[in-house]
Amino acid sequence: MVVQPVEVETDGRPFRRVDVLGQAVGHAYATADVAEFMDRAGLDTALVHSPGVVEWRGGGPDSWERRAPS
């Protein structure tokens, strides 16, 4: 599972796209949403912070604000 960097909806809400096996499965607005996608994919939601299970790009599970470009 890959959680992409933060993007911003047209209404200003930050989100992160979640991919499973290379397919986009939806937008997460918080870590709980990532856990829900994990559950749907048959993964143990207790492993949401495990780098071997979830690849967090552009920040970890506590990063939900868009970063300014470097």
C-alpha atoms as a PDB file:
ATOM      1  CA  MET A   1       0.000   0.000   0.000  1.00  0.00           C
ATOM      2  CA  VAL A   2       1.304   3.449  -0.905  1.00  0.00           C
ATOM      3  CA  VAL A   3       0.064   6.695   0.608  1.00  0.00           C
ATOM      4  CA  GLN A   4       0.959   9.520  -1.759  1.00  0.00           C
ATOM      5  CA  PRO A   5       2.049  13.045  -0.730  1.00  0.00           C
ATOM      6  CA  VAL A   6      -0.547  15.559   0.404  1.00  0.00           C
ATOM      7  CA  GLU A   7      -2.644  17.244  -2.282  1.00  0.00           C
ATOM      8  CA  VAL A   8      -5.448  19.762  -1.860  1.00  0.00           C
ATOM      9  CA  GLU A   9      -9.089  19.400  -2.948  1.00  0.00           C
ATOM     10  CA  THR A  10     -10.684  22.307  -4.824  1.00  0.00           C
ATOM     11  CA  ASP A  11     -12.444  23.213  -1.562  1.00  0.00           C
ATOM     12  CA  GLY A  12      -9.062  23.470   0.206  1.00  0.00           C
ATOM     13  CA  ARG A  13      -9.195  20.177   2.156  1.00  0.00           C
ATOM     14  CA  PRO A  14      -5.871  18.322   2.207  1.00  0.00           C
ATOM     15  CA  PHE A  15      -5.909  14.641   1.274  1.00  0.00           C
ATOM     16  CA  ARG A  16      -3.551  11.849   0.307  1.00  0.00           C
ATOM     17  CA  ARG A  17      -4.267   9.406  -2.516  1.00  0.00           C
ATOM     18  CA  VAL A  18      -4.009   5.771  -1.477  1.00  0.00           C
ATOM     19  CA  ASP A  19      -2.827   3.096  -3.910  1.00  0.00           C
ATOM     20  CA  VAL A  20      -3.031  -0.671  -3.485  1.00  0.00           C
ATOM     21  CA  LEU A  21      -0.987  -2.784  -5.893  1.00  0.00           C
ATOM     22  CA  GLY A  22      -0.535   0.230  -8.167  1.00  0.00           C
ATOM     23  CA  GLN A  23      -4.248   1.072  -8.343  1.00  0.00           C
ATOM     24  CA  ALA A  24      -5.709   4.209  -6.778  1.00  0.00           C
ATOM     25  CA  VAL A  25      -8.363   3.160  -4.256  1.00  0.00           C
ATOM     26  CA  GLY A  26      -9.373   6.564  -2.893  1.00  0.00           C
ATOM     27  CA  HIS A  27      -8.531   9.665  -0.938  1.00  0.00           C
ATOM     28  CA  ALA A  28      -7.556   9.622   2.723  1.00  0.00           C
ATOM     29  CA  TYR A  29      -8.116  12.680   4.897  1.00  0.00           C
ATOM     30  CA  ALA A  30      -6.645  11.123   8.057  1.00  0.00           C
ATOM     31  CA  THR A  31      -4.769   8.011   9.161  1.00  0.00           C
ATOM     32  CA  ALA A  32      -8.104   6.385  10.043  1.00  0.00           C
ATOM     33  CA  ASP A  33      -9.048   6.521   6.354  1.00  0.00           C
ATOM     34  CA  VAL A  34      -5.800   4.734   5.444  1.00  0.00           C
ATOM     35  CA  ALA A  35      -6.690   2.062   8.006  1.00  0.00           C
ATOM     36  CA  GLU A  36     -10.112   1.687   6.355  1.00  0.00           C
ATOM     37  CA  PHE A  37      -8.482   1.120   2.952  1.00  0.00           C
ATOM     38  CA  MET A  38      -6.171  -1.420   4.594  1.00  0.00           C
ATOM     39  CA  ASP A  39      -9.162  -3.251   6.038  1.00  0.00           C
ATOM     40  CA  ARG A  40     -10.864  -3.339   2.636  1.00  0.00           C
ATOM     41  CA  ALA A  41      -7.651  -4.768   1.128  1.00  0.00           C
ATOM     42  CA  GLY A  42      -7.497  -7.489   3.779  1.00  0.00           C
ATOM     43  CA  LEU A  43      -4.498  -5.993   5.579  1.00  0.00           C
ATOM     44  CA  ASP A  44      -4.059  -5.795   9.346  1.00  0.00           C
ATOM     45  CA  THR A  45      -4.979  -2.215  10.259  1.00  0.00           C
ATOM     46  CA  ALA A  46      -2.706  -2.395  13.314  1.00  0.00           C
ATOM     47  CA  LEU A  47       0.191  -2.194  10.840  1.00  0.00           C
ATOM     48  CA  VAL A  48      -0.767   1.263   9.518  1.00  0.00           C
ATOM     49  CA  HIS A  49       2.523   2.659  10.887  1.00  0.00           C
ATOM     50  CA  SER A  50       4.621  -0.271   9.611  1.00  0.00           C
ATOM     51  CA  PRO A  51       6.988   0.749   6.792  1.00  0.00           C
ATOM     52  CA  GLY A  52       7.002  -2.830   5.542  1.00  0.00           C
ATOM     53  CA  VAL A  53       3.262  -2.660   4.889  1.00  0.00           C
ATOM     54  CA  VAL A  54       2.527   1.012   4.150  1.00  0.00           C
ATOM     55  CA  GLU A  55       4.836   3.277   2.174  1.00  0.00           C
ATOM     56  CA  TRP A  56       4.213   6.866   3.265  1.00  0.00           C
ATOM     57  CA  ARG A  57       5.464   9.269   0.581  1.00  0.00           C
ATOM     58  CA  GLY A  58       5.967  12.955   1.329  1.00  0.00           C
ATOM     59  CA  GLY A  59       5.602  12.523   5.084  1.00  0.00           C
ATOM     60  CA  GLY A  60       4.484   9.948   7.590  1.00  0.00           C
ATOM     61  CA  PRO A  61       1.100   9.133   9.083  1.00  0.00           C
ATOM     62  CA  ASP A  62       1.031  12.425  11.003  1.00  0.00           C
ATOM     63  CA  SER A  63       1.563  14.577   7.887  1.00  0.00           C
ATOM     64  CA  TRP A  64      -1.717  15.903   6.528  1.00  0.00           C
ATOM     65  CA  GLU A  65      -0.750  19.442   5.517  1.00  0.00           C
ATOM     66  CA  ARG A  66       0.712  20.296   2.143  1.00  0.00           C
ATOM     67  CA  ARG A  67       4.398  21.163   2.325  1.00  0.00           C
ATOM     68  CA  ALA A  68       5.800  24.200   0.560  1.00  0.00           C
ATOM     69  CA  PRO A  69       8.079  23.294  -2.354  1.00  0.00           C
ATOM     70  CA  SER A  70      11.779  23.232  -1.447  1.00  0.00           C
END
